[in-house]
N, C-alpha and C. Protein backbone atom coordinates (compact mmCIF):
# COMPACT_ATOMS: atom_id res chain seq x y z
N MET A 1 51.28 -98.30 100.22
CA MET A 1 51.59 -98.30 98.85
C MET A 1 50.50 -97.62 98.13
N MET A 2 50.61 -96.56 97.24
CA MET A 2 49.58 -95.73 96.64
C MET A 2 48.77 -96.64 95.63
N SER A 3 47.46 -96.20 95.44
CA SER A 3 46.64 -97.02 94.62
C SER A 3 46.95 -96.28 93.36
N ASP A 4 46.31 -97.06 92.34
CA ASP A 4 46.45 -96.46 90.84
C ASP A 4 46.01 -94.87 90.88
N MET A 5 44.76 -94.91 91.35
CA MET A 5 44.57 -93.42 91.33
C MET A 5 45.35 -92.41 91.94
N ASP A 6 45.79 -92.65 93.19
CA ASP A 6 47.03 -91.84 94.03
C ASP A 6 48.12 -91.77 93.08
N THR A 7 48.43 -92.54 92.50
CA THR A 7 50.01 -92.50 91.73
C THR A 7 49.63 -91.76 90.56
N ILE A 8 48.47 -91.72 89.83
CA ILE A 8 48.25 -90.83 88.78
C ILE A 8 48.15 -89.27 89.34
N LEU A 9 47.38 -89.41 90.62
CA LEU A 9 47.16 -87.89 91.18
C LEU A 9 48.56 -87.39 91.29
N LYS A 10 49.57 -88.02 91.86
CA LYS A 10 50.75 -87.53 92.07
C LYS A 10 51.50 -87.11 90.74
N LYS A 11 51.12 -87.89 89.89
CA LYS A 11 52.06 -87.35 88.37
C LYS A 11 51.31 -86.01 88.04
N ILE A 12 49.89 -85.91 88.16
CA ILE A 12 49.42 -84.75 87.86
C ILE A 12 49.72 -83.46 88.82
N LEU A 13 49.86 -83.79 89.93
CA LEU A 13 50.28 -82.74 91.10
C LEU A 13 51.75 -82.03 90.51
N ASN A 14 52.38 -82.80 90.08
CA ASN A 14 53.80 -82.41 89.82
C ASN A 14 54.23 -82.37 88.23
N ASP A 15 53.24 -82.28 87.56
CA ASP A 15 53.24 -82.07 86.13
C ASP A 15 53.08 -80.59 85.91
N ARG A 16 54.30 -79.90 85.56
CA ARG A 16 54.23 -78.23 85.48
C ARG A 16 53.55 -77.80 84.41
N ASP A 17 53.19 -78.89 83.47
CA ASP A 17 52.20 -78.16 82.42
C ASP A 17 50.89 -77.98 82.90
N ILE A 18 50.58 -78.81 84.06
CA ILE A 18 49.14 -78.59 84.58
C ILE A 18 49.18 -77.81 85.66
N PHE A 19 49.87 -77.90 86.78
CA PHE A 19 50.02 -77.29 87.86
C PHE A 19 51.51 -76.23 87.85
N TYR A 20 51.48 -75.05 87.12
CA TYR A 20 52.68 -74.47 86.97
C TYR A 20 53.04 -73.68 88.42
N HIS A 21 54.23 -73.75 88.56
CA HIS A 21 54.92 -72.86 89.82
C HIS A 21 55.32 -71.65 89.25
N GLU A 22 54.48 -70.75 89.80
CA GLU A 22 54.60 -69.33 89.59
C GLU A 22 55.97 -68.95 90.30
N LYS A 23 56.35 -69.38 91.55
CA LYS A 23 57.49 -69.26 92.25
C LYS A 23 57.82 -70.53 92.76
N GLU A 24 58.97 -71.02 92.52
CA GLU A 24 59.42 -72.31 93.39
C GLU A 24 60.15 -72.04 94.55
N ILE A 25 59.46 -72.20 95.92
CA ILE A 25 60.14 -72.21 96.87
C ILE A 25 60.97 -73.03 97.26
N PHE A 26 60.65 -74.35 97.40
CA PHE A 26 61.72 -75.34 97.45
C PHE A 26 61.90 -76.28 96.54
N THR A 27 63.30 -76.39 95.89
CA THR A 27 63.54 -77.35 94.95
C THR A 27 63.19 -78.78 95.27
N LYS A 28 63.37 -79.50 94.25
CA LYS A 28 63.16 -80.92 94.40
C LYS A 28 64.44 -81.69 95.53
N SER A 29 65.32 -81.20 95.46
CA SER A 29 66.30 -81.69 96.27
C SER A 29 66.31 -81.08 97.95
N GLU A 30 65.53 -79.90 97.74
CA GLU A 30 65.30 -79.09 99.14
C GLU A 30 64.23 -79.78 99.82
N TRP A 31 63.27 -80.00 98.84
CA TRP A 31 62.15 -80.61 99.42
C TRP A 31 62.20 -82.08 100.10
N ASN A 32 63.21 -82.94 99.08
CA ASN A 32 63.37 -84.19 99.56
C ASN A 32 64.23 -84.22 101.22
N LEU A 33 65.06 -83.06 101.20
CA LEU A 33 65.84 -82.86 102.57
C LEU A 33 64.55 -82.85 103.61
N LEU A 34 63.91 -81.78 103.59
CA LEU A 34 62.70 -81.30 104.51
C LEU A 34 62.02 -83.00 104.56
N ARG A 35 61.62 -83.47 103.56
CA ARG A 35 60.95 -84.79 103.75
C ARG A 35 61.52 -85.68 104.85
N GLU A 36 62.96 -85.86 104.55
CA GLU A 36 63.80 -86.86 105.28
C GLU A 36 63.71 -86.56 106.79
N LYS A 37 63.89 -85.45 106.93
CA LYS A 37 63.94 -84.88 108.45
C LYS A 37 62.61 -84.85 109.14
N PHE A 38 61.62 -84.63 108.38
CA PHE A 38 60.10 -84.79 108.82
C PHE A 38 59.60 -86.16 109.24
N ILE A 39 60.26 -87.21 108.16
CA ILE A 39 59.94 -88.52 108.57
C ILE A 39 60.44 -89.17 109.88
N ASN A 40 61.67 -88.64 110.11
CA ASN A 40 62.32 -89.19 111.51
C ASN A 40 61.50 -88.69 112.92
N LYS A 41 60.58 -87.48 112.59
CA LYS A 41 59.57 -87.13 113.47
C LYS A 41 60.36 -87.13 115.06
N ASN A 42 61.33 -86.44 115.20
CA ASN A 42 61.92 -86.10 116.59
C ASN A 42 62.08 -84.45 116.62
N LEU A 43 62.34 -84.25 117.56
CA LEU A 43 62.41 -83.09 118.37
C LEU A 43 63.49 -82.04 117.35
N GLU A 44 64.86 -82.64 117.57
CA GLU A 44 65.80 -82.06 116.74
C GLU A 44 65.63 -81.77 115.18
N GLU A 45 64.98 -82.80 114.56
CA GLU A 45 64.73 -82.72 113.11
C GLU A 45 63.81 -81.44 112.83
N PHE A 46 62.82 -81.52 113.71
CA PHE A 46 61.67 -80.47 113.53
C PHE A 46 62.22 -79.13 113.68
N LYS A 47 63.23 -78.79 114.57
CA LYS A 47 63.90 -77.61 114.92
C LYS A 47 64.64 -77.39 113.49
N ASN A 48 65.43 -78.59 113.00
CA ASN A 48 66.07 -78.15 111.79
C ASN A 48 65.37 -77.89 110.65
N ILE A 49 64.12 -78.23 110.60
CA ILE A 49 63.11 -78.19 109.34
C ILE A 49 62.75 -76.56 109.67
N LYS A 50 62.48 -76.29 110.76
CA LYS A 50 62.24 -74.85 111.04
C LYS A 50 62.97 -73.90 110.62
N ASN A 51 64.41 -74.19 111.04
CA ASN A 51 65.49 -73.33 110.68
C ASN A 51 65.91 -73.03 109.22
N ILE A 52 65.60 -74.15 108.44
CA ILE A 52 65.64 -74.33 107.02
C ILE A 52 64.65 -73.31 106.41
N ILE A 53 63.11 -73.56 106.71
CA ILE A 53 62.25 -72.79 106.42
C ILE A 53 62.49 -71.18 106.51
N GLN A 54 62.85 -71.01 108.02
CA GLN A 54 63.11 -69.48 108.46
C GLN A 54 64.29 -69.01 107.53
N GLY A 55 65.20 -69.75 107.22
CA GLY A 55 66.09 -69.28 106.28
C GLY A 55 65.56 -68.72 104.95
N LYS A 56 64.69 -69.46 104.40
CA LYS A 56 63.97 -68.73 103.06
C LYS A 56 63.20 -67.67 103.41
N ILE A 57 62.43 -67.64 104.64
CA ILE A 57 61.69 -66.48 105.02
C ILE A 57 62.64 -65.25 104.95
N ASN A 58 63.81 -65.42 105.66
CA ASN A 58 64.79 -64.50 105.60
C ASN A 58 65.22 -63.88 104.16
N GLU A 59 65.32 -64.99 103.21
CA GLU A 59 65.67 -64.49 101.96
C GLU A 59 64.63 -63.93 101.36
N TYR A 60 63.22 -64.25 101.62
CA TYR A 60 62.14 -63.44 100.90
C TYR A 60 62.05 -62.03 101.70
N ASN A 61 62.34 -61.89 102.65
CA ASN A 61 62.20 -60.43 103.39
C ASN A 61 63.24 -59.63 102.66
N GLN A 62 64.64 -60.12 102.15
CA GLN A 62 65.44 -59.13 101.43
C GLN A 62 64.92 -58.88 100.18
N LYS A 63 64.51 -59.96 99.41
CA LYS A 63 63.86 -59.77 98.17
C LYS A 63 62.73 -58.95 97.96
N ILE A 64 61.71 -58.89 99.21
CA ILE A 64 60.64 -57.91 99.29
C ILE A 64 61.18 -56.48 99.49
N ASN A 65 62.26 -56.31 100.08
CA ASN A 65 63.01 -54.81 100.48
C ASN A 65 63.24 -54.41 99.16
N GLN A 66 63.89 -55.30 98.33
CA GLN A 66 64.97 -54.98 97.00
C GLN A 66 63.96 -54.80 95.90
N ALA A 67 62.69 -55.52 95.95
CA ALA A 67 62.03 -55.86 94.80
C ALA A 67 61.39 -54.07 94.41
N THR A 68 61.72 -54.01 92.85
CA THR A 68 60.97 -52.68 92.26
C THR A 68 59.78 -52.91 91.57
N ASN A 69 59.51 -54.13 91.15
CA ASN A 69 58.38 -54.61 90.34
C ASN A 69 57.03 -55.07 91.47
N ASN A 70 56.05 -54.51 91.37
CA ASN A 70 55.13 -54.81 92.57
C ASN A 70 54.54 -56.25 92.27
N LYS A 71 54.41 -56.70 90.93
CA LYS A 71 54.02 -58.13 90.59
C LYS A 71 54.82 -59.06 91.29
N GLU A 72 55.97 -58.95 91.28
CA GLU A 72 57.24 -59.60 91.54
C GLU A 72 57.12 -59.60 93.29
N LYS A 73 57.26 -58.22 93.71
CA LYS A 73 57.15 -58.29 95.26
C LYS A 73 56.00 -59.03 95.93
N GLU A 74 54.73 -59.03 95.22
CA GLU A 74 53.57 -59.68 95.73
C GLU A 74 53.82 -61.15 95.87
N LYS A 75 54.32 -61.76 94.71
CA LYS A 75 54.79 -63.03 94.70
C LYS A 75 55.70 -63.48 95.82
N PHE A 76 56.79 -62.65 96.09
CA PHE A 76 57.57 -62.74 97.12
C PHE A 76 56.79 -62.86 98.54
N GLN A 77 55.82 -62.07 98.61
CA GLN A 77 55.35 -61.78 99.99
C GLN A 77 54.22 -63.19 100.40
N ARG A 78 53.48 -63.40 98.95
CA ARG A 78 52.70 -64.78 99.01
C ARG A 78 53.67 -66.12 99.30
N ALA A 79 55.12 -66.12 98.87
CA ALA A 79 55.98 -67.17 99.20
C ALA A 79 56.41 -67.11 100.78
N LYS A 80 56.54 -65.98 101.10
CA LYS A 80 56.87 -65.71 102.57
C LYS A 80 55.76 -66.15 103.29
N LYS A 81 54.69 -65.92 103.06
CA LYS A 81 53.38 -66.17 103.70
C LYS A 81 53.32 -67.70 103.78
N LEU A 82 53.41 -68.41 102.70
CA LEU A 82 53.44 -69.91 102.78
C LEU A 82 54.49 -70.47 103.46
N CYS A 83 55.74 -69.93 103.64
CA CYS A 83 56.77 -70.51 104.35
C CYS A 83 56.47 -70.24 105.64
N GLN A 84 55.92 -69.28 106.31
CA GLN A 84 55.31 -69.07 107.48
C GLN A 84 54.54 -70.02 107.97
N SER A 85 53.55 -70.51 107.06
CA SER A 85 52.23 -71.57 106.99
C SER A 85 53.12 -72.80 107.41
N LEU A 86 54.17 -73.22 106.89
CA LEU A 86 55.02 -74.57 106.79
C LEU A 86 55.30 -74.65 108.31
N ILE A 87 55.96 -73.50 108.61
CA ILE A 87 56.38 -73.35 110.27
C ILE A 87 55.25 -73.80 111.14
N ASN A 88 54.29 -73.09 110.79
CA ASN A 88 53.24 -73.14 111.71
C ASN A 88 52.56 -74.65 111.79
N ALA A 89 52.52 -75.16 110.48
CA ALA A 89 52.33 -76.48 110.70
C ALA A 89 53.14 -77.54 111.34
N ILE A 90 54.28 -77.23 111.66
CA ILE A 90 55.30 -78.13 112.21
C ILE A 90 55.00 -78.39 113.85
N PRO A 91 54.77 -79.70 114.39
CA PRO A 91 54.48 -79.77 115.87
C PRO A 91 55.67 -79.05 116.76
N GLU A 92 55.38 -78.40 118.10
CA GLU A 92 56.39 -77.95 118.74
C GLU A 92 56.33 -78.68 120.16
N PHE A 93 57.62 -78.92 120.73
CA PHE A 93 57.67 -79.52 121.70
C PHE A 93 58.73 -78.56 122.69
N ASP A 94 58.47 -78.85 124.09
CA ASP A 94 59.29 -78.17 125.05
C ASP A 94 60.78 -78.90 125.14
N LYS A 95 61.55 -78.18 126.16
CA LYS A 95 62.65 -78.91 126.28
C LYS A 95 62.73 -80.19 126.69
N SER A 96 61.84 -80.69 127.59
CA SER A 96 61.34 -82.04 127.92
C SER A 96 61.00 -83.01 126.92
N GLY A 97 60.85 -82.54 125.89
CA GLY A 97 59.98 -83.25 124.66
C GLY A 97 58.70 -83.41 124.56
N LYS A 98 58.06 -82.50 125.65
CA LYS A 98 56.50 -82.65 125.75
C LYS A 98 55.79 -81.91 124.73
N LEU A 99 54.90 -82.41 123.79
CA LEU A 99 54.24 -81.72 122.75
C LEU A 99 53.34 -80.49 123.27
N VAL A 100 53.81 -79.27 122.67
CA VAL A 100 53.05 -78.16 123.15
C VAL A 100 52.15 -77.41 122.07
N LYS A 101 52.49 -77.87 121.00
CA LYS A 101 51.48 -77.36 119.79
C LYS A 101 51.54 -78.41 118.78
N HIS A 102 50.41 -78.73 118.44
CA HIS A 102 49.96 -79.90 117.54
C HIS A 102 50.23 -79.74 116.11
N GLY A 103 50.23 -78.50 115.83
CA GLY A 103 50.37 -78.02 114.23
C GLY A 103 49.45 -78.81 113.41
N LYS A 104 50.07 -79.06 112.18
CA LYS A 104 49.18 -80.02 111.22
C LYS A 104 49.94 -81.13 110.36
N PRO A 105 50.50 -82.07 111.25
CA PRO A 105 51.33 -82.92 110.76
C PRO A 105 50.79 -83.82 109.70
N ASN A 106 49.45 -84.10 109.75
CA ASN A 106 48.97 -85.23 108.62
C ASN A 106 48.87 -84.19 107.57
N LEU A 107 48.58 -82.87 107.45
CA LEU A 107 48.65 -82.14 106.30
C LEU A 107 50.04 -81.97 105.79
N LEU A 108 50.95 -81.91 106.61
CA LEU A 108 52.34 -82.13 105.81
C LEU A 108 53.02 -83.53 105.38
N ASN A 109 52.23 -84.38 106.27
CA ASN A 109 52.74 -85.78 105.55
C ASN A 109 52.01 -85.82 104.11
N THR A 110 50.86 -85.48 103.77
CA THR A 110 50.37 -85.61 102.44
C THR A 110 51.12 -84.60 101.79
N LEU A 111 51.65 -83.38 101.90
CA LEU A 111 52.47 -82.66 100.91
C LEU A 111 53.74 -83.26 100.65
N PHE A 112 54.31 -83.88 101.61
CA PHE A 112 55.66 -84.66 101.53
C PHE A 112 55.44 -85.85 100.53
N GLU A 113 54.23 -86.40 101.00
CA GLU A 113 54.11 -87.84 99.96
C GLU A 113 53.60 -87.36 98.70
N TYR A 114 52.97 -86.43 98.38
CA TYR A 114 52.35 -86.10 96.99
C TYR A 114 53.11 -85.23 96.10
N LEU A 115 54.09 -84.27 96.96
CA LEU A 115 54.45 -83.33 95.98
C LEU A 115 56.23 -83.38 95.89
N ASP A 116 56.85 -83.34 94.67
CA ASP A 116 58.01 -83.53 94.54
C ASP A 116 58.82 -82.34 94.81
N SER A 117 58.24 -81.05 94.92
CA SER A 117 58.76 -79.93 95.33
C SER A 117 57.78 -78.90 95.66
N PHE A 118 57.90 -77.86 95.94
CA PHE A 118 56.97 -76.90 96.69
C PHE A 118 57.09 -75.51 96.17
N GLY A 119 55.81 -74.82 95.92
CA GLY A 119 55.97 -73.33 95.49
C GLY A 119 54.69 -72.86 95.29
N LEU A 120 54.56 -71.82 94.82
CA LEU A 120 53.47 -70.82 94.46
C LEU A 120 52.85 -71.42 93.27
N VAL A 121 51.48 -72.22 93.15
CA VAL A 121 51.07 -72.79 92.06
C VAL A 121 49.97 -72.11 91.61
N LYS A 122 49.87 -72.42 90.10
CA LYS A 122 48.62 -71.79 89.29
C LYS A 122 48.19 -73.01 88.43
N SER A 123 46.76 -73.19 88.27
CA SER A 123 46.31 -74.33 87.55
C SER A 123 46.27 -73.73 85.96
N ASN A 124 46.69 -74.62 85.06
CA ASN A 124 46.60 -74.18 83.61
C ASN A 124 45.28 -74.93 82.95
N LEU A 125 44.50 -75.39 83.91
CA LEU A 125 43.35 -76.23 83.30
C LEU A 125 42.12 -75.21 82.96
N PRO A 126 41.16 -75.63 82.22
CA PRO A 126 40.12 -74.46 81.98
C PRO A 126 39.38 -74.10 83.34
N SER A 127 38.45 -73.46 83.23
CA SER A 127 37.66 -73.06 84.55
C SER A 127 36.99 -74.49 85.00
N SER A 128 36.36 -74.25 86.44
CA SER A 128 35.80 -75.51 87.14
C SER A 128 34.38 -75.96 86.47
N SER A 129 33.79 -74.75 85.94
CA SER A 129 32.56 -75.39 85.24
C SER A 129 32.97 -76.03 83.88
N ALA A 130 34.15 -75.75 83.16
CA ALA A 130 34.44 -76.48 82.14
C ALA A 130 34.94 -77.73 82.32
N MET A 131 35.59 -77.91 83.51
CA MET A 131 35.79 -79.29 83.93
C MET A 131 34.75 -80.01 84.26
N ASP A 132 33.77 -79.41 84.83
CA ASP A 132 32.60 -80.40 85.04
C ASP A 132 31.88 -80.85 83.76
N ASP A 133 31.97 -80.12 82.72
CA ASP A 133 31.59 -80.52 81.53
C ASP A 133 32.38 -81.92 81.12
N TYR A 134 33.62 -81.87 81.26
CA TYR A 134 34.47 -82.80 81.04
C TYR A 134 34.11 -84.35 81.76
N GLY A 135 33.77 -84.05 83.11
CA GLY A 135 33.12 -84.99 84.25
C GLY A 135 31.77 -85.53 83.46
N LYS A 136 30.87 -84.58 82.82
CA LYS A 136 29.60 -85.27 82.48
C LYS A 136 29.82 -86.02 81.30
N VAL A 137 30.73 -85.75 80.30
CA VAL A 137 31.07 -86.88 79.41
C VAL A 137 31.68 -87.89 79.58
N ILE A 138 32.57 -87.94 80.53
CA ILE A 138 33.25 -89.22 81.29
C ILE A 138 32.11 -90.19 81.63
N GLU A 139 31.15 -89.47 82.12
CA GLU A 139 30.19 -90.37 83.02
C GLU A 139 29.38 -91.01 82.00
N ARG A 140 28.94 -90.30 80.82
CA ARG A 140 27.99 -90.73 80.10
C ARG A 140 28.22 -91.44 78.67
N TYR A 141 29.60 -91.49 78.51
CA TYR A 141 29.99 -92.11 77.25
C TYR A 141 31.34 -92.73 77.50
N ASP A 142 31.51 -93.77 76.36
CA ASP A 142 32.85 -94.68 76.50
C ASP A 142 34.21 -93.75 76.18
N ILE A 143 35.16 -94.39 76.42
CA ILE A 143 36.47 -93.73 76.20
C ILE A 143 36.70 -93.42 74.86
N SER A 144 36.20 -93.72 73.64
CA SER A 144 36.48 -93.41 72.40
C SER A 144 35.92 -92.02 72.17
N ILE A 145 34.64 -91.65 73.00
CA ILE A 145 33.80 -90.27 72.76
C ILE A 145 34.63 -89.39 73.63
N VAL A 146 35.10 -89.86 74.82
CA VAL A 146 35.89 -89.10 75.70
C VAL A 146 36.91 -88.52 75.08
N GLU A 147 37.83 -89.28 74.24
CA GLU A 147 39.00 -88.88 73.85
C GLU A 147 38.57 -87.85 72.70
N GLN A 148 37.62 -88.19 72.02
CA GLN A 148 37.27 -87.41 70.72
C GLN A 148 36.83 -85.96 71.48
N TYR A 149 36.30 -85.76 72.45
CA TYR A 149 35.84 -84.72 73.44
C TYR A 149 37.00 -83.80 73.56
N PHE A 150 37.86 -84.27 74.07
CA PHE A 150 39.19 -83.72 74.48
C PHE A 150 39.96 -83.16 73.51
N LEU A 151 39.84 -83.92 72.39
CA LEU A 151 40.96 -83.58 70.97
C LEU A 151 39.98 -82.44 70.64
N ASP A 152 38.94 -82.36 70.54
CA ASP A 152 37.93 -81.27 69.92
C ASP A 152 38.39 -80.15 70.61
N LYS A 153 38.45 -80.07 72.06
CA LYS A 153 38.49 -78.90 72.97
C LYS A 153 39.79 -78.49 72.73
N ILE A 154 40.86 -79.51 72.71
CA ILE A 154 42.21 -79.13 72.58
C ILE A 154 42.52 -78.22 71.31
N SER A 155 41.83 -78.70 70.07
CA SER A 155 41.95 -77.98 68.89
C SER A 155 41.47 -76.48 68.81
N ARG A 156 40.40 -76.54 69.73
CA ARG A 156 39.68 -75.09 69.76
C ARG A 156 40.25 -74.12 70.73
N GLU A 157 41.11 -74.63 71.86
CA GLU A 157 41.67 -73.82 72.84
C GLU A 157 42.68 -72.94 72.20
N ASN A 158 42.57 -71.49 72.34
CA ASN A 158 43.57 -70.62 71.91
C ASN A 158 44.90 -70.37 72.91
N ASN A 159 44.58 -70.75 74.37
CA ASN A 159 45.83 -70.50 75.25
C ASN A 159 46.51 -71.75 75.10
N LEU A 160 47.85 -71.09 74.80
CA LEU A 160 48.99 -72.44 74.76
C LEU A 160 49.02 -73.21 76.04
N HIS A 161 48.94 -72.58 77.09
CA HIS A 161 49.03 -73.27 78.51
C HIS A 161 48.11 -74.24 78.69
N THR A 162 46.86 -73.67 78.48
CA THR A 162 45.80 -74.75 78.68
C THR A 162 45.71 -75.77 77.82
N LYS A 163 45.95 -75.51 76.49
CA LYS A 163 46.15 -76.67 75.52
C LYS A 163 47.04 -77.52 75.88
N ASN A 164 48.39 -77.18 76.29
CA ASN A 164 49.42 -78.31 76.80
C ASN A 164 48.95 -79.08 78.04
N ALA A 165 48.13 -78.43 78.93
CA ALA A 165 47.62 -78.85 80.13
C ALA A 165 46.47 -79.94 79.82
N LEU A 166 45.64 -79.75 78.76
CA LEU A 166 44.67 -80.63 78.29
C LEU A 166 45.23 -81.89 77.63
N LYS A 167 46.33 -81.74 76.74
CA LYS A 167 46.70 -83.00 76.28
C LYS A 167 47.63 -83.84 77.06
N LYS A 168 48.22 -83.22 78.15
CA LYS A 168 48.77 -83.92 79.35
C LYS A 168 47.68 -84.90 80.24
N LEU A 169 46.52 -83.94 80.33
CA LEU A 169 45.30 -84.43 81.18
C LEU A 169 44.72 -85.67 80.40
N LEU A 170 44.48 -85.40 79.05
CA LEU A 170 44.07 -86.51 78.44
C LEU A 170 44.83 -88.00 78.40
N GLU A 171 46.07 -87.56 78.48
CA GLU A 171 47.11 -88.84 78.66
C GLU A 171 46.73 -89.66 80.07
N TYR A 172 46.72 -88.64 81.26
CA TYR A 172 46.32 -89.35 82.31
C TYR A 172 44.77 -89.89 82.72
N VAL A 173 43.90 -89.50 82.00
CA VAL A 173 42.57 -90.04 81.74
C VAL A 173 42.69 -91.36 81.25
N LYS A 174 43.54 -91.69 80.03
CA LYS A 174 43.64 -92.81 79.59
C LYS A 174 44.12 -93.97 80.41
N GLU A 175 45.14 -93.48 81.40
CA GLU A 175 45.88 -94.36 82.01
C GLU A 175 44.92 -94.65 83.51
N LEU A 176 43.90 -93.58 83.73
CA LEU A 176 42.90 -94.19 84.61
C LEU A 176 41.83 -95.26 84.03
N TYR A 177 41.68 -95.11 82.69
CA TYR A 177 40.70 -95.98 82.22
C TYR A 177 41.63 -97.42 81.96
N GLN A 178 42.88 -97.31 81.85
CA GLN A 178 43.65 -98.68 81.76
C GLN A 178 43.68 -99.31 82.92
N SER A 179 43.72 -98.72 84.09
CA SER A 179 43.85 -98.87 85.46
C SER A 179 42.43 -99.61 85.70
N ASN A 180 41.62 -99.68 84.93
CA ASN A 180 40.13 -100.14 85.56
C ASN A 180 39.50 -99.26 86.41
N GLN A 181 39.61 -98.07 86.51
CA GLN A 181 38.75 -97.07 87.34
C GLN A 181 37.55 -96.99 86.62
N SER A 182 36.50 -97.00 87.52
CA SER A 182 35.01 -96.59 87.06
C SER A 182 35.16 -95.23 86.53
N PRO A 183 34.08 -95.08 85.37
CA PRO A 183 33.80 -93.81 84.74
C PRO A 183 33.47 -92.74 85.94
N LEU A 184 32.59 -93.13 86.96
CA LEU A 184 32.16 -92.57 87.85
C LEU A 184 33.27 -91.60 88.83
N GLU A 185 34.32 -92.63 89.15
CA GLU A 185 35.48 -92.32 89.76
C GLU A 185 36.19 -91.34 89.12
N ILE A 186 36.73 -91.49 87.66
CA ILE A 186 37.40 -90.64 86.99
C ILE A 186 36.64 -89.17 86.78
N ALA A 187 35.36 -89.27 86.63
CA ALA A 187 34.59 -88.25 86.54
C ALA A 187 34.87 -87.23 87.58
N TYR A 188 34.57 -87.86 88.75
CA TYR A 188 34.69 -86.96 89.91
C TYR A 188 36.00 -86.48 90.10
N PHE A 189 37.08 -87.33 90.00
CA PHE A 189 38.41 -87.07 90.03
C PHE A 189 38.80 -85.58 89.07
N ILE A 190 38.37 -85.74 87.82
CA ILE A 190 38.55 -84.71 86.99
C ILE A 190 38.12 -83.52 87.25
N ARG A 191 36.59 -83.49 87.85
CA ARG A 191 36.01 -82.34 88.29
C ARG A 191 36.64 -81.44 89.57
N LYS A 192 37.45 -82.34 90.24
CA LYS A 192 38.08 -81.88 91.31
C LYS A 192 39.27 -81.18 91.35
N LEU A 193 39.86 -81.43 89.99
CA LEU A 193 41.36 -80.86 89.74
C LEU A 193 41.71 -79.73 90.20
N ASN A 194 40.96 -78.60 89.77
CA ASN A 194 40.99 -77.27 89.75
C ASN A 194 41.51 -76.93 91.45
N SER A 195 40.58 -77.48 92.08
CA SER A 195 40.44 -77.36 93.59
C SER A 195 41.63 -78.06 94.01
N LEU A 196 42.47 -78.70 93.43
CA LEU A 196 43.52 -79.12 94.21
C LEU A 196 44.82 -78.11 94.44
N THR A 197 44.53 -76.96 94.02
CA THR A 197 45.47 -75.83 94.35
C THR A 197 45.31 -75.60 95.99
N THR A 198 44.35 -75.86 96.33
CA THR A 198 44.03 -75.79 97.79
C THR A 198 45.09 -76.68 98.75
N LEU A 199 45.65 -77.76 98.08
CA LEU A 199 46.70 -78.62 98.87
C LEU A 199 47.60 -77.77 99.06
N TRP A 200 48.31 -76.79 98.43
CA TRP A 200 49.15 -75.90 98.55
C TRP A 200 48.71 -74.62 99.54
N GLU A 201 47.53 -73.97 99.36
CA GLU A 201 47.05 -73.02 100.21
C GLU A 201 46.29 -73.18 101.50
N VAL A 202 46.14 -74.58 101.63
CA VAL A 202 45.18 -74.69 102.87
C VAL A 202 46.09 -74.48 103.99
N LEU A 203 47.34 -74.64 104.15
CA LEU A 203 48.14 -74.24 105.01
C LEU A 203 48.08 -72.92 105.48
N ASN A 204 47.42 -71.93 104.60
CA ASN A 204 47.19 -70.59 105.17
C ASN A 204 46.20 -70.53 105.85
N GLY A 205 45.17 -71.48 106.23
CA GLY A 205 43.81 -71.42 106.50
C GLY A 205 44.22 -71.62 108.14
């Protein structure tokens, strides 16, 4: 069972106003199908997962060849690379069922547990240094001051996507306070949000 902090983390990770999908690779239903197969953790289902992901790679190969827009082509290439990383993360077994490659099953488990869908992600939050300032305010002041700080920053923000992301984040911060998380934990949580894009990118490592 997820803690209150983990539940809110999951909400934030799947909030498109905060973590925008530049390119959706697997829709919610497609990702759920992969999740169900992964949970079974048997040789045949792992093969099926690889075949489904390979199908996406084949699609992206076609799109890369047909793309006339360099920016769009680059997104297709990144999506293809992420698909290949998903395949590399799946454990491999020989015909007798013996494990021959460990892959990254724990990382895949985290992805399936926290993400409702899967794609190329971009954070709409302010810079990491700006998020550090939010953390400092949360550490030092009570919720009324924290809320006022957020509202002031939101009113001054010119980028509509960042403005919307901060509005959503303020609601999640309130939820964290209501669930009796300590200000230090909330501050740490807020400071680390931008780095959460690595949850998708770490597969490439």
